[in-house]
Amino acid sequence: MGFSEAVKTVLGKYADFSGRARRSEYWFWYLAFLLAYLVALIGSAISRPLGLLLLAVVVIGGLLPNLAVSVRRLHDTGKSGWMLLLGLIPVVGAILLIVWFATDSVPGDNQYGPNPKGIGGMAGGYGQPPVGYAEPPTA
């Protein structure tokens, strides 16, 4: 998943806390959010009233998609979205979350849905044969 596709996916699932998100979707979204935040921060240094308004729009507008993609990313690693609350623990919580966000997907389907990479478990979703499945030879 590329940069623009990841940003479109996250914005398309603005408040969708169900399902799974690939690592690329998560990290590209945070890169885009960081860039928008830095532009707004520079704008607030140049033009105080207009820049602060832009900064508020970026921060408040990014709150829900940031939470949603973080929960979906935790789902992809097989963890509950409630684990995001561990980020409230100073230092240790943030480090633990970063490790989980950087961890590869749980192979195959899990309780939160099919693997977004389409590998492992059910290749084409539910009802499809697993990846690597070969029909047994007939006599």
Protein backbone atom coordinates (compact mmCIF):
# COMPACT_ATOMS: atom_id res chain seq x y z
CA MET A 1 0.00 0.00 0.00
CA GLY A 2 1.43 3.33 -1.05
CA PHE A 3 1.35 6.71 0.69
CA SER A 4 -1.67 8.20 -1.10
CA GLU A 5 -3.63 4.94 -0.97
CA ALA A 6 -3.02 4.68 2.78
CA VAL A 7 -4.19 8.25 3.41
CA LYS A 8 -7.31 7.70 1.27
CA THR A 9 -8.06 4.45 3.11
CA VAL A 10 -7.77 6.04 6.55
CA LEU A 11 -9.87 9.04 5.56
CA GLY A 12 -12.42 6.71 3.95
CA LYS A 13 -12.63 4.78 7.23
CA TYR A 14 -12.64 8.01 9.24
CA ALA A 15 -14.46 6.57 12.27
CA ASP A 16 -14.38 2.83 11.51
CA PHE A 17 -12.97 1.02 14.53
CA SER A 18 -13.67 -2.47 13.17
CA GLY A 19 -11.46 -4.56 10.95
CA ARG A 20 -7.73 -4.56 10.50
CA ALA A 21 -5.11 -2.10 9.21
CA ARG A 22 -1.78 -3.03 7.63
CA ARG A 23 1.48 -1.58 8.93
CA SER A 24 1.90 0.50 5.79
CA GLU A 25 -1.56 2.01 6.21
CA TYR A 26 -0.82 2.94 9.81
CA TRP A 27 2.67 4.38 9.31
CA PHE A 28 1.92 6.24 6.07
CA TRP A 29 -1.13 7.82 7.73
CA TYR A 30 0.97 8.97 10.67
CA LEU A 31 3.59 10.39 8.30
CA ALA A 32 0.86 12.35 6.48
CA PHE A 33 -0.60 13.56 9.79
CA LEU A 34 2.84 14.59 11.05
CA LEU A 35 3.51 16.55 7.85
CA ALA A 36 0.12 18.30 8.09
CA TYR A 37 0.81 19.08 11.75
CA LEU A 38 4.25 20.54 10.95
CA VAL A 39 2.80 22.70 8.16
CA ALA A 40 0.12 23.98 10.55
CA LEU A 41 2.73 24.59 13.25
CA ILE A 42 4.87 26.62 10.86
CA GLY A 43 1.74 28.46 9.74
CA SER A 44 0.94 29.33 13.36
CA ALA A 45 4.44 30.78 13.78
CA ILE A 46 4.05 32.91 10.64
CA SER A 47 0.46 34.09 11.05
CA ARG A 48 -0.73 33.74 14.62
CA PRO A 49 -4.57 33.83 14.31
CA LEU A 50 -4.94 32.00 11.01
CA GLY A 51 -2.15 29.55 11.80
CA LEU A 52 -3.63 28.66 15.18
CA LEU A 53 -6.97 28.03 13.52
CA LEU A 54 -5.30 25.76 10.97
CA LEU A 55 -3.42 23.97 13.77
CA ALA A 56 -6.68 23.41 15.68
CA VAL A 57 -8.38 22.03 12.56
CA VAL A 58 -5.51 19.58 11.92
CA VAL A 59 -5.33 18.36 15.53
CA ILE A 60 -9.09 18.08 16.13
CA GLY A 61 -9.78 16.76 12.63
CA GLY A 62 -7.06 14.13 12.97
CA LEU A 63 -8.12 12.86 16.39
CA LEU A 64 -10.79 10.39 15.26
CA PRO A 65 -8.93 8.90 12.27
CA ASN A 66 -5.79 8.55 14.43
CA LEU A 67 -7.73 6.61 17.05
CA ALA A 68 -9.53 4.49 14.44
CA VAL A 69 -6.39 3.46 12.52
CA SER A 70 -4.58 2.74 15.80
CA VAL A 71 -7.39 0.44 16.95
CA ARG A 72 -7.49 -1.31 13.56
CA ARG A 73 -3.70 -1.73 13.68
CA LEU A 74 -3.95 -3.35 17.11
CA HIS A 75 -6.68 -5.63 15.72
CA ASP A 76 -4.27 -6.67 12.96
CA THR A 77 -1.79 -7.83 15.59
CA GLY A 78 -4.52 -9.81 17.35
CA LYS A 79 -4.99 -7.38 20.24
CA SER A 80 -8.06 -5.55 21.47
CA GLY A 81 -8.41 -1.88 20.64
CA TRP A 82 -8.71 -1.22 24.37
CA MET A 83 -4.97 -1.90 24.60
CA LEU A 84 -4.58 1.62 23.20
CA LEU A 85 -5.27 2.83 26.75
CA LEU A 86 -1.84 1.47 27.74
CA GLY A 87 -0.50 4.61 26.06
CA LEU A 88 -1.64 6.49 29.17
CA ILE A 89 1.14 4.79 31.15
CA PRO A 90 4.15 7.10 30.88
CA VAL A 91 7.07 5.85 28.74
CA VAL A 92 6.41 2.10 29.10
CA GLY A 93 2.94 2.29 27.55
CA ALA A 94 4.14 4.30 24.57
CA ILE A 95 7.08 1.95 23.95
CA LEU A 96 4.81 -1.10 24.14
CA LEU A 97 2.35 0.41 21.67
CA ILE A 98 5.10 1.34 19.21
CA VAL A 99 6.39 -2.24 19.34
CA TRP A 100 2.89 -3.59 18.68
CA PHE A 101 2.28 -1.10 15.85
CA ALA A 102 5.55 -2.23 14.24
CA THR A 103 4.76 -5.94 14.67
CA ASP A 104 3.70 -7.93 11.60
CA SER A 105 0.11 -9.03 11.10
CA VAL A 106 -1.28 -12.17 12.65
CA PRO A 107 -1.25 -14.62 9.74
CA GLY A 108 -4.64 -15.60 8.40
CA ASP A 109 -7.98 -14.53 9.72
CA ASN A 110 -8.52 -13.52 13.32
CA GLN A 111 -11.52 -12.45 15.39
CA TYR A 112 -11.35 -8.96 13.85
CA GLY A 113 -11.54 -10.10 10.22
CA PRO A 114 -9.50 -11.43 7.33
CA ASN A 115 -5.84 -10.55 6.91
CA PRO A 116 -5.68 -7.28 4.90
CA LYS A 117 -2.62 -8.61 3.06
CA GLY A 118 -4.72 -11.49 1.72
CA ILE A 119 -2.19 -14.08 2.86
CA GLY A 120 -2.60 -16.95 5.24
CA GLY A 121 -5.90 -18.35 6.35
CA MET A 122 -8.55 -17.68 3.75
CA ALA A 123 -7.04 -16.16 0.61
CA GLY A 124 -10.12 -14.56 -0.87
CA GLY A 125 -12.03 -14.11 2.36
CA TYR A 126 -14.45 -16.44 4.02
CA GLY A 127 -15.44 -19.51 2.05
CA GLN A 128 -12.29 -19.52 -0.12
CA PRO A 129 -9.59 -22.17 0.18
CA PRO A 130 -6.47 -21.25 2.20
CA VAL A 131 -3.39 -19.94 0.43
CA GLY A 132 -1.28 -22.78 -0.90
CA TYR A 133 -4.17 -25.20 -0.90
CA ALA A 134 -4.02 -27.70 -3.74
CA GLU A 135 -6.85 -30.01 -4.76
CA PRO A 136 -6.00 -33.64 -4.04
CA PRO A 137 -5.21 -35.64 -7.17
CA THR A 138 -8.08 -37.69 -8.57
CA ALA A 139 -7.71 -41.25 -9.76
